[in-house]
C-alpha cells in the first residue's frame, strides 16, 4: 500500500527540471534552482497537489539532482533516485525521447513500482 496520493516523475538536467504528475497527467518545466522551486510550489497549489501527499521519483544524474534533493528535504517531500537503466528496462521498447516524455515515463515507473520503492533518507549532516 502506497503512502502517497501523487507520483511525480522528474527528468533532471543541469539547468531545468521537467516534472510530470502520473495521476493528473500534468507537466511543468522549471529552472533547476530556487526560482524554479517557487514556480513548482505555485503549480502544485494550482493543481491541488499537496506536497505532503507526494512521492517524487528522479533519475541519478551525477549531481544535477542535488538542489532538488535539498529542496525535497527542506519541504519534507518523499523522494527517491532511480537508475536510468532500471527505468528504461522496466518500460520495455519505447519510441520518442524528450524531457517531457522522459518525466512522464519516470512518473509512470514510480506509479507501477510503488510497492517496491522506498523513500530516500535525509542526508546526514
PDB file of N, CA and C in Angstrom:
ATOM      1  N   UNK A   1       0.843  -1.186   0.000  1.00  0.00           N
ATOM      2  CA  UNK A   1       0.000   0.000   0.000  1.00  0.00           C
ATOM      3  C   UNK A   1       0.882   1.241   0.000  1.00  0.00           C
ATOM      4  N   UNK A   2       0.680   2.119  -0.956  1.00  0.00           N
ATOM      5  CA  UNK A   2       1.495   3.320  -1.012  1.00  0.00           C
ATOM      6  C   UNK A   2       0.978   4.357  -0.021  1.00  0.00           C
ATOM      7  N   UNK A   3       1.892   5.165   0.464  1.00  0.00           N
ATOM      8  CA  UNK A   3       1.563   6.181   1.466  1.00  0.00           C
ATOM      9  C   UNK A   3       1.443   7.566   0.854  1.00  0.00           C
ATOM     10  N   UNK A   4       1.252   7.654  -0.441  1.00  0.00           N
ATOM     11  CA  UNK A   4       1.155   8.957  -1.099  1.00  0.00           C
ATOM     12  C   UNK A   4       0.026   8.918  -2.128  1.00  0.00           C
ATOM     13  N   UNK A   5      -0.424  10.089  -2.488  1.00  0.00           N
ATOM     14  CA  UNK A   5      -1.540  10.230  -3.416  1.00  0.00           C
ATOM     15  C   UNK A   5      -1.062  10.578  -4.825  1.00  0.00           C
ATOM     16  N   UNK A   6       0.066  11.293  -4.915  1.00  0.00           N
ATOM     17  CA  UNK A   6       0.569  11.753  -6.206  1.00  0.00           C
ATOM     18  C   UNK A   6       1.991  11.261  -6.427  1.00  0.00           C
ATOM     19  N   UNK A   7       2.249  10.728  -7.621  1.00  0.00           N
ATOM     20  CA  UNK A   7       3.588  10.312  -8.016  1.00  0.00           C
ATOM     21  C   UNK A   7       4.093  11.318  -9.036  1.00  0.00           C
ATOM     22  N   UNK A   8       5.193  11.967  -8.716  1.00  0.00           N
ATOM     23  CA  UNK A   8       5.786  12.954  -9.618  1.00  0.00           C
ATOM     24  C   UNK A   8       7.081  12.397 -10.185  1.00  0.00           C
ATOM     25  N   UNK A   9       7.188  12.362 -11.497  1.00  0.00           N
ATOM     26  CA  UNK A   9       8.409  11.936 -12.168  1.00  0.00           C
ATOM     27  C   UNK A   9       9.186  13.163 -12.596  1.00  0.00           C
ATOM     28  N   UNK A  10      10.500  13.145 -12.357  1.00  0.00           N
ATOM     29  CA  UNK A  10      11.325  14.318 -12.675  1.00  0.00           C
ATOM     30  C   UNK A  10      12.473  13.910 -13.589  1.00  0.00           C
ATOM     31  N   UNK A  11      12.532  14.561 -14.741  1.00  0.00           N
ATOM     32  CA  UNK A  11      13.685  14.432 -15.621  1.00  0.00           C
ATOM     33  C   UNK A  11      14.604  15.600 -15.285  1.00  0.00           C
ATOM     34  N   UNK A  12      15.772  15.290 -14.758  1.00  0.00           N
ATOM     35  CA  UNK A  12      16.688  16.300 -14.246  1.00  0.00           C
ATOM     36  C   UNK A  12      17.768  16.599 -15.275  1.00  0.00           C
ATOM     37  N   UNK A  13      17.997  17.873 -15.523  1.00  0.00           N
ATOM     38  CA  UNK A  13      19.150  18.293 -16.320  1.00  0.00           C
ATOM     39  C   UNK A  13      19.868  19.403 -15.551  1.00  0.00           C
ATOM     40  N   UNK A  14      20.960  19.856 -16.080  1.00  0.00           N
ATOM     41  CA  UNK A  14      21.762  20.855 -15.375  1.00  0.00           C
ATOM     42  C   UNK A  14      20.965  22.122 -15.080  1.00  0.00           C
ATOM     43  N   UNK A  15      20.212  22.609 -16.050  1.00  0.00           N
ATOM     44  CA  UNK A  15      19.527  23.899 -15.912  1.00  0.00           C
ATOM     45  C   UNK A  15      18.024  23.813 -15.684  1.00  0.00           C
ATOM     46  N   UNK A  16      17.405  22.694 -16.046  1.00  0.00           N
ATOM     47  CA  UNK A  16      15.941  22.606 -15.949  1.00  0.00           C
ATOM     48  C   UNK A  16      15.494  21.290 -15.330  1.00  0.00           C
ATOM     49  N   UNK A  17      14.248  21.304 -14.837  1.00  0.00           N
ATOM     50  CA  UNK A  17      13.587  20.106 -14.329  1.00  0.00           C
ATOM     51  C   UNK A  17      12.261  19.978 -15.062  1.00  0.00           C
ATOM     52  N   UNK A  18      12.011  18.823 -15.647  1.00  0.00           N
ATOM     53  CA  UNK A  18      10.707  18.527 -16.225  1.00  0.00           C
ATOM     54  C   UNK A  18       9.995  17.623 -15.233  1.00  0.00           C
ATOM     55  N   UNK A  19       8.828  18.046 -14.770  1.00  0.00           N
ATOM     56  CA  UNK A  19       8.102  17.327 -13.733  1.00  0.00           C
ATOM     57  C   UNK A  19       6.729  16.943 -14.278  1.00  0.00           C
ATOM     58  N   UNK A  20       6.386  15.655 -14.151  1.00  0.00           N
ATOM     59  CA  UNK A  20       5.083  15.161 -14.575  1.00  0.00           C
ATOM     60  C   UNK A  20       4.386  14.478 -13.412  1.00  0.00           C
ATOM     61  N   UNK A  21       3.080  14.692 -13.336  1.00  0.00           N
ATOM     62  CA  UNK A  21       2.250  14.033 -12.329  1.00  0.00           C
ATOM     63  C   UNK A  21       1.507  12.894 -13.011  1.00  0.00           C
ATOM     64  N   UNK A  22       1.758  11.662 -12.570  1.00  0.00           N
ATOM     65  CA  UNK A  22       1.160  10.488 -13.204  1.00  0.00           C
ATOM     66  C   UNK A  22      -0.360  10.485 -13.085  1.00  0.00           C
ATOM     67  N   UNK A  23      -0.866  10.822 -11.928  1.00  0.00           N
ATOM     68  CA  UNK A  23      -2.300  10.717 -11.673  1.00  0.00           C
ATOM     69  C   UNK A  23      -3.115  11.796 -12.393  1.00  0.00           C
ATOM     70  N   UNK A  24      -2.563  12.996 -12.537  1.00  0.00           N
ATOM     71  CA  UNK A  24      -3.299  14.111 -13.133  1.00  0.00           C
ATOM     72  C   UNK A  24      -2.925  14.371 -14.586  1.00  0.00           C
ATOM     73  N   UNK A  25      -1.917  13.661 -15.077  1.00  0.00           N
ATOM     74  CA  UNK A  25      -1.430  13.849 -16.447  1.00  0.00           C
ATOM     75  C   UNK A  25      -1.081  15.315 -16.703  1.00  0.00           C
ATOM     76  N   UNK A  26      -0.319  15.901 -15.774  1.00  0.00           N
ATOM     77  CA  UNK A  26       0.118  17.295 -15.882  1.00  0.00           C
ATOM     78  C   UNK A  26       1.632  17.348 -15.963  1.00  0.00           C
ATOM     79  N   UNK A  27       2.133  18.419 -16.566  1.00  0.00           N
ATOM     80  CA  UNK A  27       3.568  18.596 -16.753  1.00  0.00           C
ATOM     81  C   UNK A  27       3.940  20.059 -16.550  1.00  0.00           C
ATOM     82  N   UNK A  28       5.157  20.265 -16.028  1.00  0.00           N
ATOM     83  CA  UNK A  28       5.714  21.611 -15.907  1.00  0.00           C
ATOM     84  C   UNK A  28       7.223  21.520 -16.107  1.00  0.00           C
ATOM     85  N   UNK A  29       7.790  22.556 -16.713  1.00  0.00           N
ATOM     86  CA  UNK A  29       9.246  22.684 -16.834  1.00  0.00           C
ATOM     87  C   UNK A  29       9.647  23.915 -16.032  1.00  0.00           C
ATOM     88  N   UNK A  30      10.618  23.726 -15.124  1.00  0.00           N
ATOM     89  CA  UNK A  30      11.085  24.813 -14.276  1.00  0.00           C
ATOM     90  C   UNK A  30      12.599  24.871 -14.294  1.00  0.00           C
ATOM     91  N   UNK A  31      13.140  25.991 -13.834  1.00  0.00           N
ATOM     92  CA  UNK A  31      14.585  26.099 -13.656  1.00  0.00           C
ATOM     93  C   UNK A  31      15.010  25.212 -12.491  1.00  0.00           C
ATOM     94  N   UNK A  32      16.210  24.676 -12.581  1.00  0.00           N
ATOM     95  CA  UNK A  32      16.753  23.825 -11.523  1.00  0.00           C
ATOM     96  C   UNK A  32      17.428  24.724 -10.489  1.00  0.00           C
ATOM     97  N   UNK A  33      16.623  25.339  -9.630  1.00  0.00           N
ATOM     98  CA  UNK A  33      17.131  26.236  -8.604  1.00  0.00           C
ATOM     99  C   UNK A  33      15.997  26.880  -7.836  1.00  0.00           C
ATOM    100  N   UNK A  34      16.335  27.807  -6.948  1.00  0.00           N
ATOM    101  CA  UNK A  34      15.360  28.426  -6.043  1.00  0.00           C
ATOM    102  C   UNK A  34      14.187  29.075  -6.775  1.00  0.00           C
ATOM    103  N   UNK A  35      14.452  29.798  -7.851  1.00  0.00           N
ATOM    104  CA  UNK A  35      13.369  30.453  -8.591  1.00  0.00           C
ATOM    105  C   UNK A  35      12.413  29.414  -9.180  1.00  0.00           C
ATOM    106  N   UNK A  36      12.955  28.342  -9.702  1.00  0.00           N
ATOM    107  CA  UNK A  36      12.134  27.271 -10.253  1.00  0.00           C
ATOM    108  C   UNK A  36      11.310  26.567  -9.188  1.00  0.00           C
ATOM    109  N   UNK A  37      11.886  26.389  -8.013  1.00  0.00           N
ATOM    110  CA  UNK A  37      11.162  25.710  -6.934  1.00  0.00           C
ATOM    111  C   UNK A  37       9.961  26.539  -6.478  1.00  0.00           C
ATOM    112  N   UNK A  38      10.076  27.870  -6.515  1.00  0.00           N
ATOM    113  CA  UNK A  38       8.928  28.729  -6.177  1.00  0.00           C
ATOM    114  C   UNK A  38       7.803  28.529  -7.192  1.00  0.00           C
ATOM    115  N   UNK A  39       8.171  28.435  -8.458  1.00  0.00           N
ATOM    116  CA  UNK A  39       7.171  28.195  -9.506  1.00  0.00           C
ATOM    117  C   UNK A  39       6.534  26.821  -9.325  1.00  0.00           C
ATOM    118  N   UNK A  40       7.346  25.838  -8.956  1.00  0.00           N
ATOM    119  CA  UNK A  40       6.843  24.483  -8.706  1.00  0.00           C
ATOM    120  C   UNK A  40       5.819  24.480  -7.569  1.00  0.00           C
ATOM    121  N   UNK A  41       6.111  25.195  -6.492  1.00  0.00           N
ATOM    122  CA  UNK A  41       5.175  25.275  -5.363  1.00  0.00           C
ATOM    123  C   UNK A  41       3.844  25.896  -5.801  1.00  0.00           C
ATOM    124  N   UNK A  42       3.928  26.936  -6.619  1.00  0.00           N
ATOM    125  CA  UNK A  42       2.719  27.587  -7.120  1.00  0.00           C
ATOM    126  C   UNK A  42       1.935  26.632  -8.023  1.00  0.00           C
ATOM    127  N   UNK A  43       2.619  25.910  -8.896  1.00  0.00           N
ATOM    128  CA  UNK A  43       1.988  24.933  -9.787  1.00  0.00           C
ATOM    129  C   UNK A  43       1.283  23.844  -8.983  1.00  0.00           C
ATOM    130  N   UNK A  44       1.940  23.365  -7.943  1.00  0.00           N
ATOM    131  CA  UNK A  44       1.326  22.339  -7.087  1.00  0.00           C
ATOM    132  C   UNK A  44       0.040  22.865  -6.450  1.00  0.00           C
ATOM    133  N   UNK A  45       0.091  24.090  -5.963  1.00  0.00           N
ATOM    134  CA  UNK A  45      -1.084  24.681  -5.326  1.00  0.00           C
ATOM    135  C   UNK A  45      -2.220  24.816  -6.334  1.00  0.00           C
ATOM    136  N   UNK A  46      -1.919  25.327  -7.527  1.00  0.00           N
ATOM    137  CA  UNK A  46      -2.933  25.487  -8.570  1.00  0.00           C
ATOM    138  C   UNK A  46      -3.493  24.148  -9.045  1.00  0.00           C
ATOM    139  N   UNK A  47      -2.671  23.103  -9.027  1.00  0.00           N
ATOM    140  CA  UNK A  47      -3.086  21.776  -9.483  1.00  0.00           C
ATOM    141  C   UNK A  47      -3.691  20.941  -8.358  1.00  0.00           C
ATOM    142  N   UNK A  48      -3.756  21.535  -7.158  1.00  0.00           N
ATOM    143  CA  UNK A  48      -4.282  20.841  -5.974  1.00  0.00           C
ATOM    144  C   UNK A  48      -3.471  19.589  -5.642  1.00  0.00           C
ATOM    145  N   UNK A  49      -2.151  19.705  -5.794  1.00  0.00           N
ATOM    146  CA  UNK A  49      -1.219  18.644  -5.432  1.00  0.00           C
ATOM    147  C   UNK A  49      -0.623  19.015  -4.077  1.00  0.00           C
ATOM    148  N   UNK A  50      -0.949  18.246  -3.062  1.00  0.00           N
ATOM    149  CA  UNK A  50      -0.415  18.508  -1.729  1.00  0.00           C
ATOM    150  C   UNK A  50       0.947  17.835  -1.602  1.00  0.00           C
ATOM    151  N   UNK A  51       1.966  18.614  -1.289  1.00  0.00           N
ATOM    152  CA  UNK A  51       3.326  18.089  -1.229  1.00  0.00           C
ATOM    153  C   UNK A  51       3.484  16.998  -0.174  1.00  0.00           C
ATOM    154  N   UNK A  52       2.714  17.083   0.899  1.00  0.00           N
ATOM    155  CA  UNK A  52       2.809  16.049   1.938  1.00  0.00           C
ATOM    156  C   UNK A  52       2.226  14.721   1.469  1.00  0.00           C
ATOM    157  N   UNK A  53       1.543  14.728   0.324  1.00  0.00           N
ATOM    158  CA  UNK A  53       0.953  13.510  -0.241  1.00  0.00           C
ATOM    159  C   UNK A  53       1.624  13.114  -1.554  1.00  0.00           C
ATOM    160  N   UNK A  54       2.855  13.599  -1.762  1.00  0.00           N
ATOM    161  CA  UNK A  54       3.598  13.343  -2.995  1.00  0.00           C
ATOM    162  C   UNK A  54       4.762  12.391  -2.772  1.00  0.00           C
ATOM    163  N   UNK A  55       5.097  11.676  -3.827  1.00  0.00           N
ATOM    164  CA  UNK A  55       6.334  10.902  -3.869  1.00  0.00           C
ATOM    165  C   UNK A  55       7.015  11.280  -5.166  1.00  0.00           C
ATOM    166  N   UNK A  56       8.205  11.832  -5.065  1.00  0.00           N
ATOM    167  CA  UNK A  56       8.950  12.345  -6.199  1.00  0.00           C
ATOM    168  C   UNK A  56      10.004  11.325  -6.626  1.00  0.00           C
ATOM    169  N   UNK A  57       9.978  10.903  -7.877  1.00  0.00           N
ATOM    170  CA  UNK A  57      10.914   9.919  -8.411  1.00  0.00           C
ATOM    171  C   UNK A  57      11.777  10.603  -9.458  1.00  0.00           C
ATOM    172  N   UNK A  58      13.089  10.482  -9.298  1.00  0.00           N
ATOM    173  CA  UNK A  58      14.027  11.099 -10.243  1.00  0.00           C
ATOM    174  C   UNK A  58      15.147  10.128 -10.586  1.00  0.00           C
ATOM    175  N   UNK A  59      15.795  10.358 -11.707  1.00  0.00           N
ATOM    176  CA  UNK A  59      16.947   9.555 -12.102  1.00  0.00           C
ATOM    177  C   UNK A  59      18.212  10.076 -11.430  1.00  0.00           C
ATOM    178  N   UNK A  60      19.172   9.168 -11.234  1.00  0.00           N
ATOM    179  CA  UNK A  60      20.513   9.601 -10.866  1.00  0.00           C
ATOM    180  C   UNK A  60      21.078  10.370 -12.050  1.00  0.00           C
ATOM    181  N   UNK A  61      21.659  11.536 -11.797  1.00  0.00           N
ATOM    182  CA  UNK A  61      22.231  12.307 -12.905  1.00  0.00           C
ATOM    183  C   UNK A  61      23.688  12.670 -12.674  1.00  0.00           C
ATOM    184  N   UNK A  62      24.254  12.214 -11.592  1.00  0.00           N
ATOM    185  CA  UNK A  62      25.639  12.534 -11.319  1.00  0.00           C
ATOM    186  C   UNK A  62      25.828  13.881 -10.650  1.00  0.00           C
ATOM    187  N   UNK A  63      24.797  14.396 -10.021  1.00  0.00           N
ATOM    188  CA  UNK A  63      24.946  15.625  -9.264  1.00  0.00           C
ATOM    189  C   UNK A  63      23.947  16.717  -9.564  1.00  0.00           C
ATOM    190  N   UNK A  64      23.361  16.693 -10.760  1.00  0.00           N
ATOM    191  CA  UNK A  64      22.420  17.756 -11.103  1.00  0.00           C
ATOM    192  C   UNK A  64      21.165  17.724 -10.241  1.00  0.00           C
ATOM    193  N   UNK A  65      20.884  16.590  -9.613  1.00  0.00           N
ATOM    194  CA  UNK A  65      19.668  16.449  -8.802  1.00  0.00           C
ATOM    195  C   UNK A  65      19.835  16.923  -7.361  1.00  0.00           C
ATOM    196  N   UNK A  66      21.029  17.329  -6.951  1.00  0.00           N
ATOM    197  CA  UNK A  66      21.263  17.665  -5.538  1.00  0.00           C
ATOM    198  C   UNK A  66      20.464  18.881  -5.058  1.00  0.00           C
ATOM    199  N   UNK A  67      20.272  19.883  -5.896  1.00  0.00           N
ATOM    200  CA  UNK A  67      19.453  21.042  -5.491  1.00  0.00           C
ATOM    201  C   UNK A  67      18.017  20.591  -5.221  1.00  0.00           C
ATOM    202  N   UNK A  68      17.513  19.709  -6.077  1.00  0.00           N
ATOM    203  CA  UNK A  68      16.154  19.198  -5.905  1.00  0.00           C
ATOM    204  C   UNK A  68      16.046  18.351  -4.639  1.00  0.00           C
ATOM    205  N   UNK A  69      17.045  17.559  -4.360  1.00  0.00           N
ATOM    206  CA  UNK A  69      17.038  16.741  -3.135  1.00  0.00           C
ATOM    207  C   UNK A  69      17.017  17.650  -1.901  1.00  0.00           C
ATOM    208  N   UNK A  70      17.836  18.693  -1.916  1.00  0.00           N
ATOM    209  CA  UNK A  70      17.839  19.626  -0.782  1.00  0.00           C
ATOM    210  C   UNK A  70      16.473  20.282  -0.625  1.00  0.00           C
ATOM    211  N   UNK A  71      15.839  20.654  -1.729  1.00  0.00           N
ATOM    212  CA  UNK A  71      14.507  21.245  -1.681  1.00  0.00           C
ATOM    213  C   UNK A  71      13.508  20.243  -1.090  1.00  0.00           C
ATOM    214  N   UNK A  72      13.547  19.007  -1.560  1.00  0.00           N
ATOM    215  CA  UNK A  72      12.629  17.973  -1.053  1.00  0.00           C
ATOM    216  C   UNK A  72      12.811  17.765   0.449  1.00  0.00           C
ATOM    217  N   UNK A  73      14.044  17.727   0.890  1.00  0.00           N
ATOM    218  CA  UNK A  73      14.305  17.526   2.314  1.00  0.00           C
ATOM    219  C   UNK A  73      13.842  18.725   3.131  1.00  0.00           C
ATOM    220  N   UNK A  74      13.985  19.939   2.600  1.00  0.00           N
ATOM    221  CA  UNK A  74      13.551  21.128   3.337  1.00  0.00           C
ATOM    222  C   UNK A  74      12.030  21.208   3.452  1.00  0.00           C
ATOM    223  N   UNK A  75      11.318  20.608   2.492  1.00  0.00           N
ATOM    224  CA  UNK A  75       9.847  20.633   2.481  1.00  0.00           C
ATOM    225  C   UNK A  75       9.244  19.297   2.930  1.00  0.00           C
ATOM    226  N   UNK A  76      10.092  18.350   3.356  1.00  0.00           N
ATOM    227  CA  UNK A  76       9.655  17.015   3.797  1.00  0.00           C
ATOM    228  C   UNK A  76       8.856  16.281   2.720  1.00  0.00           C
ATOM    229  N   UNK A  77       9.339  16.360   1.471  1.00  0.00           N
ATOM    230  CA  UNK A  77       8.710  15.662   0.351  1.00  0.00           C
ATOM    231  C   UNK A  77       9.393  14.306   0.192  1.00  0.00           C
ATOM    232  N   UNK A  78       8.606  13.233   0.175  1.00  0.00           N
ATOM    233  CA  UNK A  78       9.168  11.908  -0.052  1.00  0.00           C
ATOM    234  C   UNK A  78       9.773  11.870  -1.452  1.00  0.00           C
ATOM    235  N   UNK A  79      10.966  11.309  -1.558  1.00  0.00           N
ATOM    236  CA  UNK A  79      11.637  11.258  -2.856  1.00  0.00           C
ATOM    237  C   UNK A  79      12.587  10.068  -2.914  1.00  0.00           C
ATOM    238  N   UNK A  80      12.940   9.698  -4.139  1.00  0.00           N
ATOM    239  CA  UNK A  80      13.934   8.657  -4.346  1.00  0.00           C
ATOM    240  C   UNK A  80      14.617   8.877  -5.688  1.00  0.00           C
ATOM    241  N   UNK A  81      15.819   8.341  -5.795  1.00  0.00           N
ATOM    242  CA  UNK A  81      16.570   8.378  -7.053  1.00  0.00           C
ATOM    243  C   UNK A  81      16.682   6.961  -7.585  1.00  0.00           C
ATOM    244  N   UNK A  82      16.472   6.814  -8.884  1.00  0.00           N
ATOM    245  CA  UNK A  82      16.484   5.512  -9.536  1.00  0.00           C
ATOM    246  C   UNK A  82      17.458   5.568 -10.710  1.00  0.00           C
ATOM    247  N   UNK A  83      18.106   4.459 -10.959  1.00  0.00           N
ATOM    248  CA  UNK A  83      18.986   4.350 -12.115  1.00  0.00           C
ATOM    249  C   UNK A  83      18.174   4.488 -13.397  1.00  0.00           C
ATOM    250  N   UNK A  84      18.676   5.292 -14.331  1.00  0.00           N
ATOM    251  CA  UNK A  84      18.005   5.457 -15.614  1.00  0.00           C
ATOM    252  C   UNK A  84      17.879   4.144 -16.366  1.00  0.00           C
ATOM    253  N   UNK A  85      18.873   3.283 -16.240  1.00  0.00           N
ATOM    254  CA  UNK A  85      18.841   1.981 -16.911  1.00  0.00           C
ATOM    255  C   UNK A  85      17.715   1.116 -16.351  1.00  0.00           C
ATOM    256  N   UNK A  86      17.500   1.167 -15.037  1.00  0.00           N
ATOM    257  CA  UNK A  86      16.414   0.405 -14.419  1.00  0.00           C
ATOM    258  C   UNK A  86      15.056   0.863 -14.955  1.00  0.00           C
ATOM    259  N   UNK A  87      14.877   2.160 -15.072  1.00  0.00           N
ATOM    260  CA  UNK A  87      13.615   2.700 -15.597  1.00  0.00           C
ATOM    261  C   UNK A  87      13.433   2.276 -17.051  1.00  0.00           C
ATOM    262  N   UNK A  88      14.490   2.415 -17.835  1.00  0.00           N
ATOM    263  CA  UNK A  88      14.420   2.066 -19.257  1.00  0.00           C
ATOM    264  C   UNK A  88      14.074   0.589 -19.445  1.00  0.00           C
ATOM    265  N   UNK A  89      14.713  -0.282 -18.679  1.00  0.00           N
ATOM    266  CA  UNK A  89      14.447  -1.721 -18.805  1.00  0.00           C
ATOM    267  C   UNK A  89      13.030  -2.080 -18.374  1.00  0.00           C
ATOM    268  N   UNK A  90      12.510  -1.400 -17.372  1.00  0.00           N
ATOM    269  CA  UNK A  90      11.177  -1.733 -16.868  1.00  0.00           C
ATOM    270  C   UNK A  90      10.074  -1.346 -17.854  1.00  0.00           C
ATOM    271  N   UNK A  91      10.330  -0.351 -18.700  1.00  0.00           N
ATOM    272  CA  UNK A  91       9.309   0.125 -19.626  1.00  0.00           C
ATOM    273  C   UNK A  91       9.359  -0.572 -20.979  1.00  0.00           C
ATOM    274  N   UNK A  92      10.388  -1.366 -21.218  1.00  0.00           N
ATOM    275  CA  UNK A  92      10.491  -2.073 -22.490  1.00  0.00           C
ATOM    276  C   UNK A  92      10.870  -1.126 -23.615  1.00  0.00           C
ATOM    277  N   UNK A  93      10.546  -1.531 -24.823  1.00  0.00           N
ATOM    278  CA  UNK A  93      10.877  -0.733 -26.001  1.00  0.00           C
ATOM    279  C   UNK A  93       9.921   0.450 -26.071  1.00  0.00           C
ATOM    280  N   UNK A  94      10.473   1.646 -26.178  1.00  0.00           N
ATOM    281  CA  UNK A  94       9.649   2.846 -26.280  1.00  0.00           C
ATOM    282  C   UNK A  94      10.167   3.704 -27.422  1.00  0.00           C
ATOM    283  N   UNK A  95       9.278   4.475 -27.993  1.00  0.00           N
ATOM    284  CA  UNK A  95       9.656   5.371 -29.087  1.00  0.00           C
ATOM    285  C   UNK A  95       9.571   6.810 -28.613  1.00  0.00           C
ATOM    286  N   UNK A  96      10.356   7.639 -29.208  1.00  0.00           N
ATOM    287  CA  UNK A  96      10.328   9.061 -28.885  1.00  0.00           C
ATOM    288  C   UNK A  96      11.134   9.352 -27.637  1.00  0.00           C
ATOM    289  N   UNK A  97      11.772  10.494 -27.631  1.00  0.00           N
ATOM    290  CA  UNK A  97      12.557  10.869 -26.461  1.00  0.00           C
ATOM    291  C   UNK A  97      12.662  12.382 -26.413  1.00  0.00           C
ATOM    292  N   UNK A  98      12.169  12.928 -25.311  1.00  0.00           N
ATOM    293  CA  UNK A  98      12.413  14.317 -24.968  1.00  0.00           C
ATOM    294  C   UNK A  98      12.172  14.436 -23.471  1.00  0.00           C
ATOM    295  N   UNK A  99      12.481  15.575 -22.907  1.00  0.00           N
ATOM    296  CA  UNK A  99      12.429  15.712 -21.452  1.00  0.00           C
ATOM    297  C   UNK A  99      11.020  15.531 -20.905  1.00  0.00           C
ATOM    298  N   UNK A 100      10.023  16.041 -21.597  1.00  0.00           N
ATOM    299  CA  UNK A 100       8.636  15.903 -21.142  1.00  0.00           C
ATOM    300  C   UNK A 100       8.227  14.428 -21.140  1.00  0.00           C
ATOM    301  N   UNK A 101       8.536  13.731 -22.204  1.00  0.00           N
ATOM    302  CA  UNK A 101       8.212  12.305 -22.300  1.00  0.00           C
ATOM    303  C   UNK A 101       8.976  11.525 -21.226  1.00  0.00           C
ATOM    304  N   UNK A 102      10.243  11.853 -21.033  1.00  0.00           N
ATOM    305  CA  UNK A 102      11.038  11.167 -20.018  1.00  0.00           C
ATOM    306  C   UNK A 102      10.448  11.352 -18.628  1.00  0.00           C
ATOM    307  N   UNK A 103      10.031  12.575 -18.281  1.00  0.00           N
ATOM    308  CA  UNK A 103       9.464  12.809 -16.949  1.00  0.00           C
ATOM    309  C   UNK A 103       8.164  12.032 -16.779  1.00  0.00           C
ATOM    310  N   UNK A 104       7.389  11.931 -17.844  1.00  0.00           N
ATOM    311  CA  UNK A 104       6.152  11.157 -17.796  1.00  0.00           C
ATOM    312  C   UNK A 104       6.441   9.673 -17.600  1.00  0.00           C
ATOM    313  N   UNK A 105       7.459   9.169 -18.255  1.00  0.00           N
ATOM    314  CA  UNK A 105       7.838   7.756 -18.109  1.00  0.00           C
ATOM    315  C   UNK A 105       8.374   7.474 -16.709  1.00  0.00           C
ATOM    316  N   UNK A 106       9.088   8.419 -16.143  1.00  0.00           N
ATOM    317  CA  UNK A 106       9.591   8.251 -14.773  1.00  0.00           C
ATOM    318  C   UNK A 106       8.410   8.228 -13.796  1.00  0.00           C
ATOM    319  N   UNK A 107       7.431   9.110 -14.007  1.00  0.00           N
ATOM    320  CA  UNK A 107       6.228   9.114 -13.161  1.00  0.00           C
ATOM    321  C   UNK A 107       5.475   7.795 -13.303  1.00  0.00           C
ATOM    322  N   UNK A 108       5.369   7.306 -14.535  1.00  0.00           N
ATOM    323  CA  UNK A 108       4.698   6.024 -14.794  1.00  0.00           C
ATOM    324  C   UNK A 108       5.430   4.897 -14.069  1.00  0.00           C
ATOM    325  N   UNK A 109       6.753   4.897 -14.142  1.00  0.00           N
ATOM    326  CA  UNK A 109       7.563   3.898 -13.444  1.00  0.00           C
ATOM    327  C   UNK A 109       7.277   3.944 -11.944  1.00  0.00           C
ATOM    328  N   UNK A 110       7.263   5.148 -11.368  1.00  0.00           N
ATOM    329  CA  UNK A 110       7.000   5.292  -9.943  1.00  0.00           C
ATOM    330  C   UNK A 110       5.634   4.780  -9.550  1.00  0.00           C
ATOM    331  N   UNK A 111       4.644   5.032 -10.391  1.00  0.00           N
ATOM    332  CA  UNK A 111       3.276   4.572 -10.126  1.00  0.00           C
ATOM    333  C   UNK A 111       3.196   3.043 -10.187  1.00  0.00           C
ATOM    334  N   UNK A 112       3.855   2.457 -11.178  1.00  0.00           N
ATOM    335  CA  UNK A 112       3.812   0.997 -11.345  1.00  0.00           C
ATOM    336  C   UNK A 112       4.607   0.263 -10.267  1.00  0.00           C
ATOM    337  N   UNK A 113       5.687   0.846  -9.812  1.00  0.00           N
ATOM    338  CA  UNK A 113       6.583   0.176  -8.859  1.00  0.00           C
ATOM    339  C   UNK A 113       6.383   0.658  -7.425  1.00  0.00           C
ATOM    340  N   UNK A 114       5.239   1.266  -7.120  1.00  0.00           N
ATOM    341  CA  UNK A 114       5.049   1.880  -5.805  1.00  0.00           C
ATOM    342  C   UNK A 114       5.241   0.907  -4.640  1.00  0.00           C
ATOM    343  N   UNK A 115       4.996  -0.378  -4.850  1.00  0.00           N
ATOM    344  CA  UNK A 115       5.147  -1.345  -3.753  1.00  0.00           C
ATOM    345  C   UNK A 115       6.615  -1.576  -3.392  1.00  0.00           C
ATOM    346  N   UNK A 116       7.498  -1.454  -4.368  1.00  0.00           N
ATOM    347  CA  UNK A 116       8.910  -1.746  -4.110  1.00  0.00           C
ATOM    348  C   UNK A 116       9.764  -0.502  -3.862  1.00  0.00           C
ATOM    349  N   UNK A 117       9.242   0.680  -4.145  1.00  0.00           N
ATOM    350  CA  UNK A 117      10.029   1.901  -3.967  1.00  0.00           C
ATOM    351  C   UNK A 117      10.023   2.348  -2.513  1.00  0.00           C
ATOM    352  N   UNK A 118      11.174   2.754  -2.061  1.00  0.00           N
ATOM    353  CA  UNK A 118      11.320   3.263  -0.692  1.00  0.00           C
ATOM    354  C   UNK A 118      11.854   4.688  -0.755  1.00  0.00           C
ATOM    355  N   UNK A 119      11.270   5.597   0.027  1.00  0.00           N
ATOM    356  CA  UNK A 119      11.786   6.973   0.050  1.00  0.00           C
ATOM    357  C   UNK A 119      13.220   7.018   0.560  1.00  0.00           C
ATOM    358  N   UNK A 120      13.987   7.955   0.036  1.00  0.00           N
ATOM    359  CA  UNK A 120      15.357   8.184   0.494  1.00  0.00           C
ATOM    360  C   UNK A 120      15.345   8.762   1.892  1.00  0.00           C
ATOM    361  N   UNK A 121      16.377   8.482   2.616  1.00  0.00           N
ATOM    362  CA  UNK A 121      16.537   9.076   3.947  1.00  0.00           C
ATOM    363  C   UNK A 121      17.198  10.447   3.772  1.00  0.00           C
ATOM    364  N   UNK A 122      16.850  11.399   4.619  1.00  0.00           N
ATOM    365  CA  UNK A 122      17.522  12.701   4.535  1.00  0.00           C
ATOM    366  C   UNK A 122      19.029  12.542   4.721  1.00  0.00           C
ATOM    367  N   UNK A 123      19.771  13.377   4.046  1.00  0.00           N
ATOM    368  CA  UNK A 123      21.229  13.338   4.147  1.00  0.00           C
ATOM    369  C   UNK A 123      21.655  13.691   5.565  1.00  0.00           C
ATOM    370  N   UNK A 124      22.632  12.974   6.075  1.00  0.00           N
ATOM    371  CA  UNK A 124      23.147  13.294   7.403  1.00  0.00           C
ATOM    372  C   UNK A 124      24.113  14.452   7.286  1.00  0.00           C
ATOM    373  N   UNK A 125      24.107  15.290   8.287  1.00  0.00           N
ATOM    374  CA  UNK A 125      24.943  16.491   8.219  1.00  0.00           C
ATOM    375  C   UNK A 125      26.122  16.371   9.139  1.00  0.00           C
TER     376      UNK A 125
END
